[in-house]
Amino acid sequence: MLRHWGALLIAVVCLGAGSAKDYTADWRFMGIVQPQVTVGPRQEPNFRWRRIRGIATGPITENLKAKFQVNLDPDTGFLSLMDAFLDYTPIKAPVRLNLQGGLLMPYWAMEGGTFANTVNYSYMVALLRLWERTAGVQATARFANAYELTGAILNGAASFNDNNELPNYLLSVTTVQPWFDARAWYYKGKDGPYGAETSTDITGCEITNARVGRFTGNAAFIGSNRRNVRMLGGYVEAMYQLSKQNSVIAKFDWADANRDQPARALQRYIGCYRQRLTPWMDSFWEVEYDQKLNDANFLFRGDARF
């Protein structure tokens, strides 16, 4: 995989050097810091850094952008590369076409994109053992500023230092409407470590940013067949905005790691109070019950973005 990252960096340097205009001033640098305190009836209060990330994104030429994202693992102190890809726009009208290549994130990855996904897939990812890293190329066509069609060819290895180069294919359809967004996708190929690749197919759909008055809702579903094991997962979230600074949120996660075995489905329930402290910082007070742990926890989480 190192040759792919080397080629990407060479392309960034060459394309940037060949541009007649200096786009340095147009680059954006962002950071995310999320401290978290967990208190449970059977444990001492625990403090940890939930997420520490740095993001750099900006243009190289008029039609070419790059994005890089690094994450500091609070437990190990190691930096890991989350995003590293080029985004080329050869056509802007009447259909906008974007070509991306490099280190890309699956739709269900919590760490992909500029910020975390609208849908929190972490519970399903952990119980269904889905991977959160991949690499490859993808093309997205956007019609009428409201519909998107995406096709991608991705690497099937769950680790970037693995030699599994077998292709995986992704097809997705997205619509962006005034009061909701929706997306459906299908992913098929062979994943797993080199020499032990197995066929996999994943179907997913999500409805996000569904807005009715002060209510906002998000929902998602994943069905997969990996290593001859059929799995299902779901997520529902409802938020009510009390004021511009305050809101309450209810979340429900569900995952069945093996549909062919009884009593494998697990649930998680979360009640949350969110307060906007500043334009760049929020606080979250959560009560969480996880059926897998058979215990309830209280969490305080800060979310600073700058």
C-alpha atoms as a PDB file:
ATOM      1  CA  MET A   1       0.000   0.000   0.000  1.00  0.00           C
ATOM      2  CA  LEU A   2       2.950   2.377   0.459  1.00  0.00           C
ATOM      3  CA  ARG A   3       3.315   2.871  -3.272  1.00  0.00           C
ATOM      4  CA  HIS A   4      -0.240   4.230  -3.421  1.00  0.00           C
ATOM      5  CA  TRP A   5       0.425   6.829  -0.723  1.00  0.00           C
ATOM      6  CA  GLY A   6       3.708   7.756  -2.380  1.00  0.00           C
ATOM      7  CA  ALA A   7       1.944   8.293  -5.685  1.00  0.00           C
ATOM      8  CA  LEU A   8      -0.688  10.435  -3.972  1.00  0.00           C
ATOM      9  CA  LEU A   9       1.896  12.681  -2.318  1.00  0.00           C
ATOM     10  CA  ILE A  10       3.865  13.041  -5.555  1.00  0.00           C
ATOM     11  CA  ALA A  11       0.672  14.017  -7.369  1.00  0.00           C
ATOM     12  CA  VAL A  12      -0.126  16.658  -4.740  1.00  0.00           C
ATOM     13  CA  VAL A  13       3.354  18.178  -4.977  1.00  0.00           C
ATOM     14  CA  CYS A  14       3.492  18.144  -8.776  1.00  0.00           C
ATOM     15  CA  LEU A  15       0.013  19.535  -9.287  1.00  0.00           C
ATOM     16  CA  GLY A  16       0.553  22.235  -6.716  1.00  0.00           C
ATOM     17  CA  ALA A  17       3.873  23.224  -8.234  1.00  0.00           C
ATOM     18  CA  GLY A  18       2.356  23.358 -11.707  1.00  0.00           C
ATOM     19  CA  SER A  19      -0.446  25.720 -10.738  1.00  0.00           C
ATOM     20  CA  ALA A  20      -0.073  29.337 -11.854  1.00  0.00           C
ATOM     21  CA  LYS A  21      -2.003  30.641  -8.852  1.00  0.00           C
ATOM     22  CA  ASP A  22      -1.019  30.339  -5.216  1.00  0.00           C
ATOM     23  CA  TYR A  23      -3.934  28.762  -3.315  1.00  0.00           C
ATOM     24  CA  THR A  24      -2.193  28.654   0.060  1.00  0.00           C
ATOM     25  CA  ALA A  25      -4.432  31.333   1.552  1.00  0.00           C
ATOM     26  CA  ASP A  26      -7.554  29.315   0.651  1.00  0.00           C
ATOM     27  CA  TRP A  27      -6.624  26.311   2.782  1.00  0.00           C
ATOM     28  CA  ARG A  28      -8.585  25.660   5.971  1.00  0.00           C
ATOM     29  CA  PHE A  29      -7.141  24.100   9.106  1.00  0.00           C
ATOM     30  CA  MET A  30      -9.510  22.740  11.738  1.00  0.00           C
ATOM     31  CA  GLY A  31      -9.353  20.795  14.950  1.00  0.00           C
ATOM     32  CA  ILE A  32     -11.709  18.732  17.093  1.00  0.00           C
ATOM     33  CA  VAL A  33     -11.195  18.048  20.799  1.00  0.00           C
ATOM     34  CA  GLN A  34     -13.689  15.949  22.774  1.00  0.00           C
ATOM     35  CA  PRO A  35     -13.020  15.265  26.480  1.00  0.00           C
ATOM     36  CA  GLN A  36     -15.323  12.745  28.169  1.00  0.00           C
ATOM     37  CA  VAL A  37     -16.049  11.765  31.766  1.00  0.00           C
ATOM     38  CA  THR A  38     -17.907   8.479  32.454  1.00  0.00           C
ATOM     39  CA  VAL A  39     -19.526   7.649  35.792  1.00  0.00           C
ATOM     40  CA  GLY A  40     -21.141   4.277  36.468  1.00  0.00           C
ATOM     41  CA  PRO A  41     -22.623   2.518  39.501  1.00  0.00           C
ATOM     42  CA  ARG A  42     -19.919  -0.155  39.357  1.00  0.00           C
ATOM     43  CA  GLN A  43     -16.892   1.946  38.453  1.00  0.00           C
ATOM     44  CA  GLU A  44     -14.915   4.975  39.507  1.00  0.00           C
ATOM     45  CA  PRO A  45     -15.272   8.175  37.444  1.00  0.00           C
ATOM     46  CA  ASN A  46     -13.196   7.782  34.303  1.00  0.00           C
ATOM     47  CA  PHE A  47     -11.774  10.639  32.216  1.00  0.00           C
ATOM     48  CA  ARG A  48     -10.547  10.123  28.674  1.00  0.00           C
ATOM     49  CA  TRP A  49     -10.036  12.048  25.471  1.00  0.00           C
ATOM     50  CA  ARG A  50     -12.690  10.676  23.159  1.00  0.00           C
ATOM     51  CA  ARG A  51     -11.424  12.358  20.000  1.00  0.00           C
ATOM     52  CA  ILE A  52      -8.488  14.611  19.087  1.00  0.00           C
ATOM     53  CA  ARG A  53      -8.259  15.388  15.389  1.00  0.00           C
ATOM     54  CA  GLY A  54      -6.592  17.810  13.023  1.00  0.00           C
ATOM     55  CA  ILE A  55      -7.953  18.543   9.556  1.00  0.00           C
ATOM     56  CA  ALA A  56      -6.455  20.343   6.567  1.00  0.00           C
ATOM     57  CA  THR A  57      -8.388  20.895   3.345  1.00  0.00           C
ATOM     58  CA  GLY A  58      -8.012  23.258   0.437  1.00  0.00           C
ATOM     59  CA  PRO A  59      -7.481  23.752  -3.305  1.00  0.00           C
ATOM     60  CA  ILE A  60      -4.364  22.859  -5.273  1.00  0.00           C
ATOM     61  CA  THR A  61      -5.675  24.100  -8.607  1.00  0.00           C
ATOM     62  CA  GLU A  62      -8.995  25.566  -9.696  1.00  0.00           C
ATOM     63  CA  ASN A  63     -10.581  22.123 -10.077  1.00  0.00           C
ATOM     64  CA  LEU A  64      -8.477  20.047  -7.696  1.00  0.00           C
ATOM     65  CA  LYS A  65      -8.692  19.909  -3.909  1.00  0.00           C
ATOM     66  CA  ALA A  66      -6.922  17.836  -1.286  1.00  0.00           C
ATOM     67  CA  LYS A  67      -7.885  16.793   2.196  1.00  0.00           C
ATOM     68  CA  PHE A  68      -5.876  15.348   5.047  1.00  0.00           C
ATOM     69  CA  GLN A  69      -7.033  14.352   8.504  1.00  0.00           C
ATOM     70  CA  VAL A  70      -5.009  12.956  11.394  1.00  0.00           C
ATOM     71  CA  ASN A  71      -6.218  11.477  14.654  1.00  0.00           C
ATOM     72  CA  LEU A  72      -4.298  11.283  17.920  1.00  0.00           C
ATOM     73  CA  ASP A  73      -5.108   8.077  19.771  1.00  0.00           C
ATOM     74  CA  PRO A  74      -5.422   9.147  23.430  1.00  0.00           C
ATOM     75  CA  ASP A  75      -4.702   5.624  24.672  1.00  0.00           C
ATOM     76  CA  THR A  76      -1.479   5.006  22.724  1.00  0.00           C
ATOM     77  CA  GLY A  77      -0.338   8.525  21.847  1.00  0.00           C
ATOM     78  CA  PHE A  78       0.100   7.530  18.194  1.00  0.00           C
ATOM     79  CA  LEU A  79      -0.965   9.662  15.240  1.00  0.00           C
ATOM     80  CA  SER A  80      -2.948   7.912  12.511  1.00  0.00           C
ATOM     81  CA  LEU A  81      -3.944   9.174   9.086  1.00  0.00           C
ATOM     82  CA  MET A  82      -7.724   9.227   8.733  1.00  0.00           C
ATOM     83  CA  ASP A  83      -8.295  10.966   5.396  1.00  0.00           C
ATOM     84  CA  ALA A  84      -5.830  11.603   2.563  1.00  0.00           C
ATOM     85  CA  PHE A  85      -7.388  12.034  -0.832  1.00  0.00           C
ATOM     86  CA  LEU A  86      -7.602  14.226  -3.919  1.00  0.00           C
ATOM     87  CA  ASP A  87     -10.921  15.560  -5.220  1.00  0.00           C
ATOM     88  CA  TYR A  88     -10.990  16.544  -8.902  1.00  0.00           C
ATOM     89  CA  THR A  89     -13.967  18.290 -10.541  1.00  0.00           C
ATOM     90  CA  PRO A  90     -13.662  18.017 -14.347  1.00  0.00           C
ATOM     91  CA  ILE A  91     -17.298  19.003 -15.006  1.00  0.00           C
ATOM     92  CA  LYS A  92     -19.321  21.562 -13.038  1.00  0.00           C
ATOM     93  CA  ALA A  93     -22.442  22.041 -15.172  1.00  0.00           C
ATOM     94  CA  PRO A  94     -25.054  20.955 -16.008  1.00  0.00           C
ATOM     95  CA  VAL A  95     -23.972  17.827 -14.086  1.00  0.00           C
ATOM     96  CA  ARG A  96     -21.272  18.163 -11.455  1.00  0.00           C
ATOM     97  CA  LEU A  97     -18.743  15.323 -11.573  1.00  0.00           C
ATOM     98  CA  ASN A  98     -16.268  14.684  -8.754  1.00  0.00           C
ATOM     99  CA  LEU A  99     -13.446  12.139  -8.947  1.00  0.00           C
ATOM    100  CA  GLN A 100     -11.750  11.135  -5.696  1.00  0.00           C
ATOM    101  CA  GLY A 101      -8.765   8.939  -5.039  1.00  0.00           C
ATOM    102  CA  GLY A 102      -6.749   8.004  -1.977  1.00  0.00           C
ATOM    103  CA  LEU A 103      -7.582   7.109   1.589  1.00  0.00           C
ATOM    104  CA  LEU A 104     -11.381   7.092   1.803  1.00  0.00           C
ATOM    105  CA  MET A 105     -13.809   6.265   4.606  1.00  0.00           C
ATOM    106  CA  PRO A 106     -16.769   3.862   4.344  1.00  0.00           C
ATOM    107  CA  TYR A 107     -20.173   5.440   4.890  1.00  0.00           C
ATOM    108  CA  TRP A 108     -20.429   3.841   8.329  1.00  0.00           C
ATOM    109  CA  ALA A 109     -17.012   5.065   9.552  1.00  0.00           C
ATOM    110  CA  MET A 110     -17.301   7.385  12.540  1.00  0.00           C
ATOM    111  CA  GLU A 111     -13.987   9.110  11.878  1.00  0.00           C
ATOM    112  CA  GLY A 112     -14.432   9.865   8.191  1.00  0.00           C
ATOM    113  CA  GLY A 113     -15.346  13.192   6.663  1.00  0.00           C
ATOM    114  CA  THR A 114     -14.710  16.650   8.029  1.00  0.00           C
ATOM    115  CA  PHE A 115     -16.715  15.906  11.168  1.00  0.00           C
ATOM    116  CA  ALA A 116     -18.439  12.826  12.528  1.00  0.00           C
ATOM    117  CA  ASN A 117     -21.325  11.413  10.535  1.00  0.00           C
ATOM    118  CA  THR A 118     -24.873  12.544  11.258  1.00  0.00           C
ATOM    119  CA  VAL A 119     -25.656   8.925  12.099  1.00  0.00           C
ATOM    120  CA  ASN A 120     -23.619   7.357  14.886  1.00  0.00           C
ATOM    121  CA  TYR A 121     -22.677   3.939  13.515  1.00  0.00           C
ATOM    122  CA  SER A 122     -20.236   3.095  16.327  1.00  0.00           C
ATOM    123  CA  TYR A 123     -22.492   0.512  18.019  1.00  0.00           C
ATOM    124  CA  MET A 124     -23.211  -1.331  14.773  1.00  0.00           C
ATOM    125  CA  VAL A 125     -19.576  -1.128  13.645  1.00  0.00           C
ATOM    126  CA  ALA A 126     -18.372  -2.719  16.898  1.00  0.00           C
ATOM    127  CA  LEU A 127     -20.954  -5.524  17.098  1.00  0.00           C
ATOM    128  CA  LEU A 128     -21.088  -6.315  13.365  1.00  0.00           C
ATOM    129  CA  ARG A 129     -17.283  -6.097  13.107  1.00  0.00           C
ATOM    130  CA  LEU A 130     -17.299  -3.727  10.153  1.00  0.00           C
ATOM    131  CA  TRP A 131     -14.030  -2.139   9.055  1.00  0.00           C
ATOM    132  CA  GLU A 132     -13.535   1.620   9.165  1.00  0.00           C
ATOM    133  CA  ARG A 133     -10.638   2.056   6.761  1.00  0.00           C
ATOM    134  CA  THR A 134     -10.364   1.597   3.023  1.00  0.00           C
ATOM    135  CA  ALA A 135      -8.673   3.103  -0.009  1.00  0.00           C
ATOM    136  CA  GLY A 136      -9.462   3.440  -3.683  1.00  0.00           C
ATOM    137  CA  VAL A 137     -11.135   5.654  -6.249  1.00  0.00           C
ATOM    138  CA  GLN A 138     -14.718   6.847  -6.590  1.00  0.00           C
ATOM    139  CA  ALA A 139     -16.785   9.028  -8.909  1.00  0.00           C
ATOM    140  CA  THR A 140     -19.837  11.077  -7.906  1.00  0.00           C
ATOM    141  CA  ALA A 141     -22.280  12.742 -10.300  1.00  0.00           C
ATOM    142  CA  ARG A 142     -24.610  15.407  -8.877  1.00  0.00           C
ATOM    143  CA  PHE A 143     -27.811  16.288 -10.735  1.00  0.00           C
ATOM    144  CA  ALA A 144     -30.068  19.315 -10.256  1.00  0.00           C
ATOM    145  CA  ASN A 145     -28.218  20.088  -7.029  1.00  0.00           C
ATOM    146  CA  ALA A 146     -30.384  17.468  -5.296  1.00  0.00           C
ATOM    147  CA  TYR A 147     -29.420  13.957  -6.480  1.00  0.00           C
ATOM    148  CA  GLU A 148     -26.114  12.100  -6.370  1.00  0.00           C
ATOM    149  CA  LEU A 149     -24.962   8.830  -7.928  1.00  0.00           C
ATOM    150  CA  THR A 150     -21.670   7.381  -6.661  1.00  0.00           C
ATOM    151  CA  GLY A 151     -19.621   4.427  -7.839  1.00  0.00           C
ATOM    152  CA  ALA A 152     -16.343   3.306  -6.270  1.00  0.00           C
ATOM    153  CA  ILE A 153     -13.641   0.646  -6.510  1.00  0.00           C
ATOM    154  CA  LEU A 154     -12.009   0.136  -3.119  1.00  0.00           C
ATOM    155  CA  ASN A 155      -9.389  -1.996  -1.426  1.00  0.00           C
ATOM    156  CA  GLY A 156     -10.776  -4.873   0.611  1.00  0.00           C
ATOM    157  CA  ALA A 157      -8.124  -4.936   3.334  1.00  0.00           C
ATOM    158  CA  ALA A 158      -9.150  -3.755   6.757  1.00  0.00           C
ATOM    159  CA  SER A 159      -5.528  -2.740   7.379  1.00  0.00           C
ATOM    160  CA  PHE A 160      -3.476  -0.459   5.154  1.00  0.00           C
ATOM    161  CA  ASN A 161      -0.309  -2.507   5.529  1.00  0.00           C
ATOM    162  CA  ASP A 162      -2.041  -5.655   4.250  1.00  0.00           C
ATOM    163  CA  ASN A 163      -1.495  -7.022   0.735  1.00  0.00           C
ATOM    164  CA  ASN A 164      -5.169  -7.694   0.020  1.00  0.00           C
ATOM    165  CA  GLU A 165      -5.615  -5.836  -3.272  1.00  0.00           C
ATOM    166  CA  LEU A 166      -8.844  -7.571  -4.304  1.00  0.00           C
ATOM    167  CA  PRO A 167     -11.382  -4.992  -5.486  1.00  0.00           C
ATOM    168  CA  ASN A 168     -14.564  -4.105  -3.651  1.00  0.00           C
ATOM    169  CA  TYR A 169     -17.357  -2.236  -5.418  1.00  0.00           C
ATOM    170  CA  LEU A 170     -19.677   0.428  -4.042  1.00  0.00           C
ATOM    171  CA  LEU A 171     -22.797   1.919  -5.614  1.00  0.00           C
ATOM    172  CA  SER A 172     -24.891   4.547  -3.830  1.00  0.00           C
ATOM    173  CA  VAL A 173     -27.762   6.929  -4.535  1.00  0.00           C
ATOM    174  CA  THR A 174     -28.327  10.106  -2.499  1.00  0.00           C
ATOM    175  CA  THR A 175     -31.004  12.771  -2.512  1.00  0.00           C
ATOM    176  CA  VAL A 176     -30.897  16.117  -0.696  1.00  0.00           C
ATOM    177  CA  GLN A 177     -34.329  17.631  -0.144  1.00  0.00           C
ATOM    178  CA  PRO A 178     -35.454  20.785   1.704  1.00  0.00           C
ATOM    179  CA  TRP A 179     -36.588  18.873   4.795  1.00  0.00           C
ATOM    180  CA  PHE A 180     -34.629  15.599   4.682  1.00  0.00           C
ATOM    181  CA  ASP A 181     -31.640  13.812   3.147  1.00  0.00           C
ATOM    182  CA  ALA A 182     -31.652  10.145   2.128  1.00  0.00           C
ATOM    183  CA  ARG A 183     -29.061   7.682   0.886  1.00  0.00           C
ATOM    184  CA  ALA A 184     -28.998   4.013  -0.086  1.00  0.00           C
ATOM    185  CA  TRP A 185     -25.919   1.982  -0.958  1.00  0.00           C
ATOM    186  CA  TYR A 186     -24.718  -1.494  -1.855  1.00  0.00           C
ATOM    187  CA  TYR A 187     -21.176  -2.729  -1.201  1.00  0.00           C
ATOM    188  CA  LYS A 188     -19.815  -6.018  -2.547  1.00  0.00           C
ATOM    189  CA  GLY A 189     -16.419  -7.682  -2.842  1.00  0.00           C
ATOM    190  CA  LYS A 190     -13.850  -9.609  -0.830  1.00  0.00           C
ATOM    191  CA  ASP A 191     -12.500  -8.277   2.435  1.00  0.00           C
ATOM    192  CA  GLY A 192     -10.248  -9.571   5.158  1.00  0.00           C
ATOM    193  CA  PRO A 193      -6.484 -10.114   5.515  1.00  0.00           C
ATOM    194  CA  TYR A 194      -4.325 -11.348   2.651  1.00  0.00           C
ATOM    195  CA  GLY A 195      -4.728 -15.080   2.094  1.00  0.00           C
ATOM    196  CA  ALA A 196      -7.997 -15.238   4.047  1.00  0.00           C
ATOM    197  CA  GLU A 197     -10.242 -13.034   1.935  1.00  0.00           C
ATOM    198  CA  THR A 198     -13.935 -13.856   2.043  1.00  0.00           C
ATOM    199  CA  SER A 199     -16.880 -12.549   0.080  1.00  0.00           C
ATOM    200  CA  THR A 200     -19.010  -9.832   1.633  1.00  0.00           C
ATOM    201  CA  ASP A 201     -22.002  -7.755   0.683  1.00  0.00           C
ATOM    202  CA  ILE A 202     -23.512  -4.890   2.650  1.00  0.00           C
ATOM    203  CA  THR A 203     -26.751  -3.031   2.022  1.00  0.00           C
ATOM    204  CA  GLY A 204     -27.479   0.196   3.817  1.00  0.00           C
ATOM    205  CA  CYS A 205     -29.903   3.080   3.852  1.00  0.00           C
ATOM    206  CA  GLU A 206     -30.278   6.201   5.956  1.00  0.00           C
ATOM    207  CA  ILE A 207     -32.553   9.194   6.351  1.00  0.00           C
ATOM    208  CA  THR A 208     -30.894  12.189   7.969  1.00  0.00           C
ATOM    209  CA  ASN A 209     -31.750  15.776   8.837  1.00  0.00           C
ATOM    210  CA  ALA A 210     -35.480  15.047   8.724  1.00  0.00           C
ATOM    211  CA  ARG A 211     -36.919  18.308  10.015  1.00  0.00           C
ATOM    212  CA  VAL A 212     -40.453  19.025  11.245  1.00  0.00           C
ATOM    213  CA  GLY A 213     -40.791  22.167  13.332  1.00  0.00           C
ATOM    214  CA  ARG A 214     -38.390  21.892  16.254  1.00  0.00           C
ATOM    215  CA  PHE A 215     -37.900  18.147  15.748  1.00  0.00           C
ATOM    216  CA  THR A 216     -34.955  16.660  13.844  1.00  0.00           C
ATOM    217  CA  GLY A 217     -34.614  12.936  13.182  1.00  0.00           C
ATOM    218  CA  ASN A 218     -31.999  10.516  11.841  1.00  0.00           C
ATOM    219  CA  ALA A 219     -32.374   6.819  11.088  1.00  0.00           C
ATOM    220  CA  ALA A 220     -30.189   4.154   9.487  1.00  0.00           C
ATOM    221  CA  PHE A 221     -30.210   0.447   8.665  1.00  0.00           C
ATOM    222  CA  ILE A 222     -27.419  -1.966   7.688  1.00  0.00           C
ATOM    223  CA  GLY A 223     -27.823  -5.548   6.499  1.00  0.00           C
ATOM    224  CA  SER A 224     -24.731  -7.589   5.691  1.00  0.00           C
ATOM    225  CA  ASN A 225     -23.544 -11.064   4.835  1.00  0.00           C
ATOM    226  CA  ARG A 226     -19.878 -11.379   5.765  1.00  0.00           C
ATOM    227  CA  ARG A 227     -17.946 -14.616   6.128  1.00  0.00           C
ATOM    228  CA  ASN A 228     -21.228 -16.500   5.649  1.00  0.00           C
ATOM    229  CA  VAL A 229     -22.757 -14.758   8.679  1.00  0.00           C
ATOM    230  CA  ARG A 230     -25.917 -12.701   8.203  1.00  0.00           C
ATOM    231  CA  MET A 231     -26.057  -9.537  10.322  1.00  0.00           C
ATOM    232  CA  LEU A 232     -28.442  -6.624  10.834  1.00  0.00           C
ATOM    233  CA  GLY A 233     -28.169  -3.257  12.546  1.00  0.00           C
ATOM    234  CA  GLY A 234     -30.279  -0.157  13.058  1.00  0.00           C
ATOM    235  CA  TYR A 235     -30.169   3.335  14.539  1.00  0.00           C
ATOM    236  CA  VAL A 236     -32.864   5.896  15.371  1.00  0.00           C
ATOM    237  CA  GLU A 237     -32.329   9.369  16.794  1.00  0.00           C
ATOM    238  CA  ALA A 238     -34.771  12.179  17.604  1.00  0.00           C
ATOM    239  CA  MET A 239     -33.809  15.674  18.732  1.00  0.00           C
ATOM    240  CA  TYR A 240     -36.080  18.430  20.041  1.00  0.00           C
ATOM    241  CA  GLN A 241     -34.697  21.961  20.100  1.00  0.00           C
ATOM    242  CA  LEU A 242     -35.678  23.747  23.297  1.00  0.00           C
ATOM    243  CA  SER A 243     -33.969  26.988  22.259  1.00  0.00           C
ATOM    244  CA  LYS A 244     -31.111  28.128  20.062  1.00  0.00           C
ATOM    245  CA  GLN A 245     -28.637  26.919  22.673  1.00  0.00           C
ATOM    246  CA  ASN A 246     -30.361  23.882  24.204  1.00  0.00           C
ATOM    247  CA  SER A 247     -31.842  20.623  22.940  1.00  0.00           C
ATOM    248  CA  VAL A 248     -32.736  17.134  24.161  1.00  0.00           C
ATOM    249  CA  ILE A 249     -31.865  13.977  22.221  1.00  0.00           C
ATOM    250  CA  ALA A 250     -33.055  10.361  22.413  1.00  0.00           C
ATOM    251  CA  LYS A 251     -31.104   7.599  20.640  1.00  0.00           C
ATOM    252  CA  PHE A 252     -31.665   3.896  20.083  1.00  0.00           C
ATOM    253  CA  ASP A 253     -29.125   1.416  18.651  1.00  0.00           C
ATOM    254  CA  TRP A 254     -29.784  -2.183  17.710  1.00  0.00           C
ATOM    255  CA  ALA A 255     -27.497  -4.860  16.258  1.00  0.00           C
ATOM    256  CA  ASP A 256     -27.834  -8.587  15.581  1.00  0.00           C
ATOM    257  CA  ALA A 257     -24.385 -10.055  14.954  1.00  0.00           C
ATOM    258  CA  ASN A 258     -25.761 -13.402  13.749  1.00  0.00           C
ATOM    259  CA  ARG A 259     -29.315 -13.768  12.479  1.00  0.00           C
ATOM    260  CA  ASP A 260     -29.002 -17.557  12.396  1.00  0.00           C
ATOM    261  CA  GLN A 261     -28.444 -17.790  16.149  1.00  0.00           C
ATOM    262  CA  PRO A 262     -31.196 -16.875  18.620  1.00  0.00           C
ATOM    263  CA  ALA A 263     -30.888 -14.135  21.220  1.00  0.00           C
ATOM    264  CA  ARG A 264     -27.928 -12.402  19.579  1.00  0.00           C
ATOM    265  CA  ALA A 265     -29.560  -8.992  19.140  1.00  0.00           C
ATOM    266  CA  LEU A 266     -28.378  -6.256  21.507  1.00  0.00           C
ATOM    267  CA  GLN A 267     -29.687  -2.750  22.148  1.00  0.00           C
ATOM    268  CA  ARG A 268     -28.377   0.534  23.491  1.00  0.00           C
ATOM    269  CA  TYR A 269     -30.497   3.446  24.764  1.00  0.00           C
ATOM    270  CA  ILE A 270     -29.225   7.002  25.211  1.00  0.00           C
ATOM    271  CA  GLY A 271     -30.883  10.107  26.606  1.00  0.00           C
ATOM    272  CA  CYS A 272     -28.948  13.334  26.131  1.00  0.00           C
ATOM    273  CA  TYR A 273     -29.124  17.036  27.002  1.00  0.00           C
ATOM    274  CA  ARG A 274     -27.075  19.228  24.658  1.00  0.00           C
ATOM    275  CA  GLN A 275     -26.071  22.804  25.445  1.00  0.00           C
ATOM    276  CA  ARG A 276     -24.356  25.263  23.102  1.00  0.00           C
ATOM    277  CA  LEU A 277     -21.748  26.991  25.274  1.00  0.00           C
ATOM    278  CA  THR A 278     -20.093  29.064  22.550  1.00  0.00           C
ATOM    279  CA  PRO A 279     -20.329  29.128  18.738  1.00  0.00           C
ATOM    280  CA  TRP A 280     -17.484  26.604  18.683  1.00  0.00           C
ATOM    281  CA  MET A 281     -18.149  24.452  21.758  1.00  0.00           C
ATOM    282  CA  ASP A 282     -21.016  22.206  22.920  1.00  0.00           C
ATOM    283  CA  SER A 283     -21.540  20.153  26.063  1.00  0.00           C
ATOM    284  CA  PHE A 284     -23.426  16.842  26.241  1.00  0.00           C
ATOM    285  CA  TRP A 285     -24.918  15.250  29.370  1.00  0.00           C
ATOM    286  CA  GLU A 286     -25.867  11.637  28.621  1.00  0.00           C
ATOM    287  CA  VAL A 287     -27.474   8.664  30.331  1.00  0.00           C
ATOM    288  CA  GLU A 288     -26.630   5.443  28.505  1.00  0.00           C
ATOM    289  CA  TYR A 289     -27.872   1.879  28.974  1.00  0.00           C
ATOM    290  CA  ASP A 290     -26.057  -0.829  27.023  1.00  0.00           C
ATOM    291  CA  GLN A 291     -27.673  -4.275  27.013  1.00  0.00           C
ATOM    292  CA  LYS A 292     -24.312  -5.869  26.252  1.00  0.00           C
ATOM    293  CA  LEU A 293     -22.888  -4.479  29.493  1.00  0.00           C
ATOM    294  CA  ASN A 294     -26.225  -4.750  31.337  1.00  0.00           C
ATOM    295  CA  ASP A 295     -25.404  -1.483  33.026  1.00  0.00           C
ATOM    296  CA  ALA A 296     -26.232   2.218  32.902  1.00  0.00           C
ATOM    297  CA  ASN A 297     -23.586   4.932  32.702  1.00  0.00           C
ATOM    298  CA  PHE A 298     -23.612   8.701  32.994  1.00  0.00           C
ATOM    299  CA  LEU A 299     -21.411  10.621  30.584  1.00  0.00           C
ATOM    300  CA  PHE A 300     -20.325  14.222  30.256  1.00  0.00           C
ATOM    301  CA  ARG A 301     -18.765  15.091  26.914  1.00  0.00           C
ATOM    302  CA  GLY A 302     -17.366  18.316  25.546  1.00  0.00           C
ATOM    303  CA  ASP A 303     -17.162  19.005  21.819  1.00  0.00           C
ATOM    304  CA  ALA A 304     -14.833  21.847  20.790  1.00  0.00           C
ATOM    305  CA  ARG A 305     -14.340  22.615  17.082  1.00  0.00           C
ATOM    306  CA  PHE A 306     -12.057  25.369  15.929  1.00  0.00           C
END
